Amino acid sequence: MPEPKTAKNRLHMDLRVSGEGSAQERWAQVAAEVARLVAAGHRFRSHSDTEVIVHLYEELGERFVDELEGMFAIALWDSRARRLMLARDRAGKKPLFFYRDARCLAFASAMKAVFAHDGIRLDINEDSLPH
């Protein structure tokens, strides 16, 4: 059972952004979360703080985002459930743009990256313009 949500036990994802505590204190939070996940049986294969997201998802499902603070935009593909989850920080500091039609789904944290996709039509919707 996860601990109650408090500002102290949430995981800071973007350690370069100013916020409460020093970067060293925030890294200590990440290390503590990794230790908790390892104790719960999770095995880490890299030294990336991003891998924590995958393990939080395995443990908490879509509620994993409740444990994150800071600036983030995440795309997580669950191959077992064949489900894509897109999430961004609650304050909207890190944008998440997406485009979807019958043939295509594109997403990115920069609009120009979405527009650069070959499958996206950039036609003007004449019906949406005032006459």
N, C-alpha and C. Protein backbone atom coordinates (compact mmCIF):
# COMPACT_ATOMS: atom_id res chain seq x y z
N MET A 1 0.85 -1.18 0.00
CA MET A 1 0.00 0.00 0.00
C MET A 1 0.89 1.24 0.00
N PRO A 2 0.67 2.17 -0.94
CA PRO A 2 1.52 3.37 -1.01
C PRO A 2 1.31 4.27 0.20
N GLU A 3 2.35 5.03 0.52
CA GLU A 3 2.26 5.99 1.61
C GLU A 3 1.30 7.10 1.25
N PRO A 4 0.72 7.79 2.26
CA PRO A 4 -0.14 8.93 1.95
C PRO A 4 0.63 9.99 1.17
N LYS A 5 -0.08 10.71 0.33
CA LYS A 5 0.55 11.73 -0.50
C LYS A 5 0.91 12.95 0.33
N THR A 6 2.15 13.33 0.31
CA THR A 6 2.60 14.58 0.92
C THR A 6 3.64 15.18 0.00
N ALA A 7 3.89 16.44 0.16
CA ALA A 7 4.90 17.09 -0.67
C ALA A 7 6.26 16.46 -0.45
N LYS A 8 6.51 15.92 0.72
CA LYS A 8 7.83 15.36 1.02
C LYS A 8 8.09 14.01 0.37
N ASN A 9 7.04 13.20 0.12
CA ASN A 9 7.31 11.88 -0.44
C ASN A 9 6.96 11.78 -1.92
N ARG A 10 6.66 12.89 -2.56
CA ARG A 10 6.49 12.88 -4.00
C ARG A 10 7.85 12.93 -4.66
N LEU A 11 7.95 12.37 -5.82
CA LEU A 11 9.21 12.29 -6.54
C LEU A 11 9.36 13.51 -7.44
N HIS A 12 10.43 14.25 -7.29
CA HIS A 12 10.71 15.39 -8.16
C HIS A 12 11.36 14.87 -9.43
N MET A 13 10.73 15.12 -10.59
CA MET A 13 11.25 14.57 -11.83
C MET A 13 12.27 15.47 -12.51
N ASP A 14 12.05 16.76 -12.51
CA ASP A 14 13.01 17.64 -13.17
C ASP A 14 13.86 18.31 -12.11
N LEU A 15 15.03 17.76 -11.88
CA LEU A 15 15.88 18.24 -10.80
C LEU A 15 16.62 19.52 -11.15
N ARG A 16 16.51 19.97 -12.39
CA ARG A 16 17.18 21.20 -12.79
C ARG A 16 16.33 22.43 -12.51
N VAL A 17 15.05 22.24 -12.22
CA VAL A 17 14.15 23.36 -11.98
C VAL A 17 14.21 23.74 -10.52
N SER A 18 14.23 25.05 -10.27
CA SER A 18 14.28 25.48 -8.87
C SER A 18 12.99 25.07 -8.18
N GLY A 19 13.08 24.79 -6.92
CA GLY A 19 11.92 24.38 -6.14
C GLY A 19 12.34 24.21 -4.70
N GLU A 20 11.49 23.57 -3.93
CA GLU A 20 11.81 23.35 -2.53
C GLU A 20 13.03 22.46 -2.39
N GLY A 21 13.94 22.83 -1.53
CA GLY A 21 15.12 22.01 -1.28
C GLY A 21 16.17 22.13 -2.36
N SER A 22 17.34 21.68 -2.02
CA SER A 22 18.46 21.72 -2.97
C SER A 22 18.38 20.54 -3.92
N ALA A 23 19.16 20.60 -4.99
CA ALA A 23 19.23 19.47 -5.93
C ALA A 23 19.70 18.22 -5.19
N GLN A 24 20.61 18.40 -4.26
CA GLN A 24 21.12 17.26 -3.49
C GLN A 24 19.99 16.62 -2.68
N GLU A 25 19.13 17.43 -2.08
CA GLU A 25 18.00 16.90 -1.32
C GLU A 25 17.01 16.17 -2.24
N ARG A 26 16.80 16.73 -3.43
CA ARG A 26 15.88 16.09 -4.37
C ARG A 26 16.46 14.78 -4.90
N TRP A 27 17.78 14.73 -5.14
CA TRP A 27 18.40 13.47 -5.54
C TRP A 27 18.26 12.44 -4.41
N ALA A 28 18.33 12.91 -3.17
CA ALA A 28 18.15 12.00 -2.04
C ALA A 28 16.74 11.41 -2.06
N GLN A 29 15.75 12.21 -2.47
CA GLN A 29 14.38 11.71 -2.60
C GLN A 29 14.29 10.64 -3.68
N VAL A 30 14.95 10.87 -4.80
CA VAL A 30 14.95 9.88 -5.88
C VAL A 30 15.61 8.60 -5.39
N ALA A 31 16.74 8.72 -4.72
CA ALA A 31 17.44 7.54 -4.19
C ALA A 31 16.56 6.78 -3.20
N ALA A 32 15.85 7.50 -2.36
CA ALA A 32 14.95 6.86 -1.39
C ALA A 32 13.82 6.12 -2.10
N GLU A 33 13.28 6.72 -3.15
CA GLU A 33 12.22 6.06 -3.91
C GLU A 33 12.75 4.83 -4.62
N VAL A 34 13.95 4.90 -5.18
CA VAL A 34 14.56 3.73 -5.82
C VAL A 34 14.76 2.63 -4.79
N ALA A 35 15.25 2.97 -3.61
CA ALA A 35 15.47 1.97 -2.55
C ALA A 35 14.15 1.32 -2.15
N ARG A 36 13.08 2.12 -2.05
CA ARG A 36 11.76 1.57 -1.69
C ARG A 36 11.28 0.60 -2.77
N LEU A 37 11.45 0.98 -4.04
CA LEU A 37 11.01 0.11 -5.13
C LEU A 37 11.83 -1.17 -5.21
N VAL A 38 13.14 -1.07 -4.97
CA VAL A 38 14.00 -2.27 -4.95
C VAL A 38 13.57 -3.19 -3.81
N ALA A 39 13.28 -2.62 -2.65
CA ALA A 39 12.84 -3.43 -1.51
C ALA A 39 11.50 -4.12 -1.82
N ALA A 40 10.70 -3.51 -2.68
CA ALA A 40 9.41 -4.09 -3.06
C ALA A 40 9.56 -5.12 -4.19
N GLY A 41 10.81 -5.35 -4.67
CA GLY A 41 11.05 -6.39 -5.67
C GLY A 41 11.31 -5.89 -7.08
N HIS A 42 11.34 -4.59 -7.27
CA HIS A 42 11.62 -4.06 -8.62
C HIS A 42 13.11 -4.15 -8.91
N ARG A 43 13.45 -4.49 -10.16
CA ARG A 43 14.86 -4.57 -10.57
C ARG A 43 15.14 -3.48 -11.58
N PHE A 44 16.14 -2.67 -11.31
CA PHE A 44 16.53 -1.58 -12.20
C PHE A 44 17.61 -2.07 -13.15
N ARG A 45 17.50 -1.69 -14.42
CA ARG A 45 18.46 -2.12 -15.44
C ARG A 45 19.34 -0.99 -15.92
N SER A 46 19.10 0.21 -15.43
CA SER A 46 19.89 1.36 -15.87
C SER A 46 20.20 2.25 -14.66
N HIS A 47 20.86 3.34 -14.93
CA HIS A 47 21.15 4.33 -13.90
C HIS A 47 20.36 5.61 -14.16
N SER A 48 19.29 5.50 -14.91
CA SER A 48 18.49 6.65 -15.30
C SER A 48 17.36 6.89 -14.29
N ASP A 49 17.16 8.16 -13.92
CA ASP A 49 16.04 8.46 -13.04
C ASP A 49 14.71 8.23 -13.75
N THR A 50 14.72 8.21 -15.08
CA THR A 50 13.50 7.98 -15.85
C THR A 50 12.95 6.58 -15.63
N GLU A 51 13.81 5.62 -15.35
CA GLU A 51 13.35 4.24 -15.14
C GLU A 51 12.43 4.15 -13.92
N VAL A 52 12.55 5.07 -13.01
CA VAL A 52 11.67 5.09 -11.84
C VAL A 52 10.21 5.20 -12.28
N ILE A 53 9.95 5.94 -13.34
CA ILE A 53 8.59 6.11 -13.84
C ILE A 53 7.98 4.77 -14.21
N VAL A 54 8.73 3.93 -14.91
CA VAL A 54 8.22 2.63 -15.32
C VAL A 54 7.87 1.79 -14.10
N HIS A 55 8.74 1.79 -13.11
CA HIS A 55 8.48 0.99 -11.91
C HIS A 55 7.32 1.55 -11.09
N LEU A 56 7.18 2.86 -11.03
CA LEU A 56 6.01 3.44 -10.36
C LEU A 56 4.73 3.04 -11.09
N TYR A 57 4.77 3.02 -12.42
CA TYR A 57 3.60 2.60 -13.19
C TYR A 57 3.28 1.13 -12.91
N GLU A 58 4.30 0.28 -12.87
CA GLU A 58 4.07 -1.14 -12.56
C GLU A 58 3.40 -1.30 -11.20
N GLU A 59 3.77 -0.46 -10.27
CA GLU A 59 3.25 -0.59 -8.91
C GLU A 59 1.90 0.08 -8.72
N LEU A 60 1.70 1.25 -9.34
CA LEU A 60 0.52 2.06 -9.04
C LEU A 60 -0.46 2.21 -10.20
N GLY A 61 -0.09 1.72 -11.38
CA GLY A 61 -0.95 1.94 -12.53
C GLY A 61 -0.96 3.42 -12.89
N GLU A 62 -2.06 3.87 -13.46
CA GLU A 62 -2.11 5.27 -13.91
C GLU A 62 -2.00 6.27 -12.77
N ARG A 63 -2.17 5.84 -11.55
CA ARG A 63 -2.00 6.74 -10.39
C ARG A 63 -0.54 7.12 -10.15
N PHE A 64 0.41 6.54 -10.91
CA PHE A 64 1.82 6.87 -10.71
C PHE A 64 2.08 8.35 -10.85
N VAL A 65 1.30 9.04 -11.70
CA VAL A 65 1.53 10.48 -11.90
C VAL A 65 1.26 11.28 -10.64
N ASP A 66 0.46 10.74 -9.72
CA ASP A 66 0.20 11.42 -8.45
C ASP A 66 1.46 11.54 -7.61
N GLU A 67 2.45 10.70 -7.89
CA GLU A 67 3.69 10.70 -7.12
C GLU A 67 4.75 11.63 -7.70
N LEU A 68 4.47 12.24 -8.84
CA LEU A 68 5.46 13.06 -9.52
C LEU A 68 5.21 14.54 -9.28
N GLU A 69 6.29 15.26 -9.14
CA GLU A 69 6.26 16.71 -9.05
C GLU A 69 7.23 17.26 -10.07
N GLY A 70 7.12 18.53 -10.35
CA GLY A 70 8.06 19.15 -11.26
C GLY A 70 7.51 19.18 -12.67
N MET A 71 8.39 19.46 -13.59
CA MET A 71 8.05 19.65 -14.99
C MET A 71 8.26 18.34 -15.75
N PHE A 72 7.18 17.82 -16.36
CA PHE A 72 7.32 16.59 -17.13
C PHE A 72 6.20 16.46 -18.17
N ALA A 73 6.51 15.80 -19.23
CA ALA A 73 5.54 15.31 -20.21
C ALA A 73 5.98 13.88 -20.51
N ILE A 74 5.06 12.95 -20.35
CA ILE A 74 5.41 11.53 -20.41
C ILE A 74 4.49 10.81 -21.39
N ALA A 75 5.09 9.94 -22.19
CA ALA A 75 4.35 8.98 -23.01
C ALA A 75 4.80 7.61 -22.52
N LEU A 76 3.85 6.80 -22.08
CA LEU A 76 4.18 5.48 -21.55
C LEU A 76 3.33 4.45 -22.28
N TRP A 77 3.98 3.50 -22.93
CA TRP A 77 3.29 2.44 -23.65
C TRP A 77 3.29 1.18 -22.81
N ASP A 78 2.10 0.67 -22.48
CA ASP A 78 1.94 -0.58 -21.75
C ASP A 78 1.66 -1.66 -22.79
N SER A 79 2.69 -2.43 -23.12
CA SER A 79 2.55 -3.43 -24.19
C SER A 79 1.62 -4.57 -23.79
N ARG A 80 1.56 -4.89 -22.51
CA ARG A 80 0.66 -5.96 -22.08
C ARG A 80 -0.80 -5.56 -22.25
N ALA A 81 -1.13 -4.35 -21.83
CA ALA A 81 -2.51 -3.85 -21.94
C ALA A 81 -2.78 -3.22 -23.30
N ARG A 82 -1.71 -3.05 -24.11
CA ARG A 82 -1.81 -2.37 -25.41
C ARG A 82 -2.48 -1.01 -25.22
N ARG A 83 -1.89 -0.23 -24.32
CA ARG A 83 -2.45 1.05 -23.92
C ARG A 83 -1.37 2.11 -23.87
N LEU A 84 -1.67 3.27 -24.43
CA LEU A 84 -0.76 4.41 -24.38
C LEU A 84 -1.29 5.40 -23.37
N MET A 85 -0.41 5.85 -22.49
CA MET A 85 -0.78 6.85 -21.51
C MET A 85 0.07 8.09 -21.74
N LEU A 86 -0.58 9.23 -21.91
CA LEU A 86 0.10 10.51 -22.04
C LEU A 86 -0.22 11.31 -20.79
N ALA A 87 0.80 11.94 -20.21
CA ALA A 87 0.59 12.73 -18.99
C ALA A 87 1.53 13.92 -19.00
N ARG A 88 1.09 14.98 -18.36
CA ARG A 88 1.96 16.14 -18.19
C ARG A 88 1.78 16.66 -16.78
N ASP A 89 2.71 17.51 -16.36
CA ASP A 89 2.64 18.04 -15.01
C ASP A 89 1.37 18.86 -14.82
N ARG A 90 0.88 18.90 -13.59
CA ARG A 90 -0.38 19.55 -13.28
C ARG A 90 -0.37 21.05 -13.59
N ALA A 91 0.77 21.70 -13.44
CA ALA A 91 0.86 23.13 -13.68
C ALA A 91 0.96 23.46 -15.17
N GLY A 92 1.23 22.46 -15.99
CA GLY A 92 1.33 22.69 -17.42
C GLY A 92 2.62 23.36 -17.85
N LYS A 93 3.66 23.25 -17.00
CA LYS A 93 4.95 23.86 -17.37
C LYS A 93 5.54 23.19 -18.59
N LYS A 94 5.41 21.88 -18.67
CA LYS A 94 5.90 21.12 -19.82
C LYS A 94 4.69 20.80 -20.69
N PRO A 95 4.58 21.41 -21.85
CA PRO A 95 3.38 21.18 -22.67
C PRO A 95 3.36 19.78 -23.27
N LEU A 96 2.19 19.36 -23.65
CA LEU A 96 2.01 18.09 -24.34
C LEU A 96 0.97 18.33 -25.44
N PHE A 97 1.43 18.32 -26.67
CA PHE A 97 0.57 18.53 -27.82
C PHE A 97 0.28 17.19 -28.47
N PHE A 98 -0.94 17.03 -28.99
CA PHE A 98 -1.22 15.80 -29.71
C PHE A 98 -2.17 16.08 -30.86
N TYR A 99 -2.12 15.20 -31.83
CA TYR A 99 -2.97 15.23 -33.00
C TYR A 99 -3.50 13.82 -33.20
N ARG A 100 -4.78 13.72 -33.51
CA ARG A 100 -5.37 12.40 -33.74
C ARG A 100 -6.42 12.51 -34.82
N ASP A 101 -6.36 11.59 -35.75
CA ASP A 101 -7.43 11.41 -36.72
C ASP A 101 -7.60 9.91 -36.92
N ALA A 102 -8.36 9.51 -37.91
CA ALA A 102 -8.63 8.08 -38.13
C ALA A 102 -7.38 7.29 -38.50
N ARG A 103 -6.33 7.96 -39.00
CA ARG A 103 -5.14 7.27 -39.48
C ARG A 103 -3.91 7.49 -38.62
N CYS A 104 -3.93 8.50 -37.76
CA CYS A 104 -2.67 8.93 -37.15
C CYS A 104 -2.86 9.42 -35.72
N LEU A 105 -1.90 9.13 -34.89
CA LEU A 105 -1.78 9.74 -33.57
C LEU A 105 -0.34 10.22 -33.46
N ALA A 106 -0.17 11.50 -33.18
CA ALA A 106 1.17 12.07 -33.01
C ALA A 106 1.15 12.91 -31.74
N PHE A 107 2.24 12.89 -31.00
CA PHE A 107 2.33 13.67 -29.78
C PHE A 107 3.77 14.08 -29.54
N ALA A 108 3.94 15.20 -28.87
CA ALA A 108 5.28 15.72 -28.56
C ALA A 108 5.12 16.87 -27.56
N SER A 109 6.22 17.28 -26.99
CA SER A 109 6.19 18.42 -26.07
C SER A 109 6.44 19.73 -26.81
N ALA A 110 6.61 19.66 -28.13
CA ALA A 110 6.76 20.86 -28.96
C ALA A 110 5.81 20.74 -30.15
N MET A 111 5.02 21.78 -30.38
CA MET A 111 4.04 21.74 -31.45
C MET A 111 4.68 21.52 -32.82
N LYS A 112 5.86 22.11 -33.04
CA LYS A 112 6.49 21.96 -34.35
C LYS A 112 6.87 20.50 -34.62
N ALA A 113 7.14 19.73 -33.59
CA ALA A 113 7.44 18.30 -33.79
C ALA A 113 6.19 17.56 -34.23
N VAL A 114 5.04 17.92 -33.70
CA VAL A 114 3.79 17.29 -34.15
C VAL A 114 3.51 17.68 -35.59
N PHE A 115 3.66 18.96 -35.91
CA PHE A 115 3.40 19.42 -37.28
C PHE A 115 4.36 18.82 -38.29
N ALA A 116 5.53 18.42 -37.88
CA ALA A 116 6.53 17.86 -38.80
C ALA A 116 6.18 16.43 -39.23
N HIS A 117 5.24 15.78 -38.55
CA HIS A 117 4.87 14.41 -38.89
C HIS A 117 4.20 14.36 -40.26
N ASP A 118 4.61 13.41 -41.10
CA ASP A 118 4.09 13.30 -42.46
C ASP A 118 2.59 13.03 -42.52
N GLY A 119 2.05 12.36 -41.51
CA GLY A 119 0.65 11.96 -41.55
C GLY A 119 -0.33 13.04 -41.13
N ILE A 120 0.14 14.22 -40.82
CA ILE A 120 -0.74 15.27 -40.32
C ILE A 120 -1.09 16.25 -41.43
N ARG A 121 -2.37 16.49 -41.55
CA ARG A 121 -2.86 17.46 -42.53
C ARG A 121 -2.99 18.80 -41.84
N LEU A 122 -2.47 19.83 -42.46
CA LEU A 122 -2.52 21.17 -41.90
C LEU A 122 -3.47 22.06 -42.70
N ASP A 123 -4.60 21.50 -43.09
CA ASP A 123 -5.60 22.25 -43.84
C ASP A 123 -6.37 23.18 -42.90
N ILE A 124 -6.84 24.27 -43.44
CA ILE A 124 -7.68 25.19 -42.68
C ILE A 124 -9.11 24.67 -42.70
N ASN A 125 -9.71 24.64 -41.54
CA ASN A 125 -11.11 24.23 -41.42
C ASN A 125 -11.97 25.47 -41.70
N GLU A 126 -12.47 25.58 -42.91
CA GLU A 126 -13.25 26.75 -43.34
C GLU A 126 -14.50 26.95 -42.47
N ASP A 127 -15.09 25.86 -41.97
CA ASP A 127 -16.30 25.97 -41.15
C ASP A 127 -16.05 26.65 -39.82
N SER A 128 -14.79 26.62 -39.37
CA SER A 128 -14.49 27.23 -38.07
C SER A 128 -14.21 28.73 -38.16
N LEU A 129 -14.11 29.25 -39.38
CA LEU A 129 -13.84 30.68 -39.58
C LEU A 129 -15.14 31.48 -39.63
N PRO A 130 -15.15 32.66 -39.01
CA PRO A 130 -16.36 33.49 -39.11
C PRO A 130 -16.55 33.98 -40.55
N HIS A 131 -17.77 34.03 -40.99
CA HIS A 131 -18.06 34.47 -42.37
C HIS A 131 -18.47 35.91 -42.41
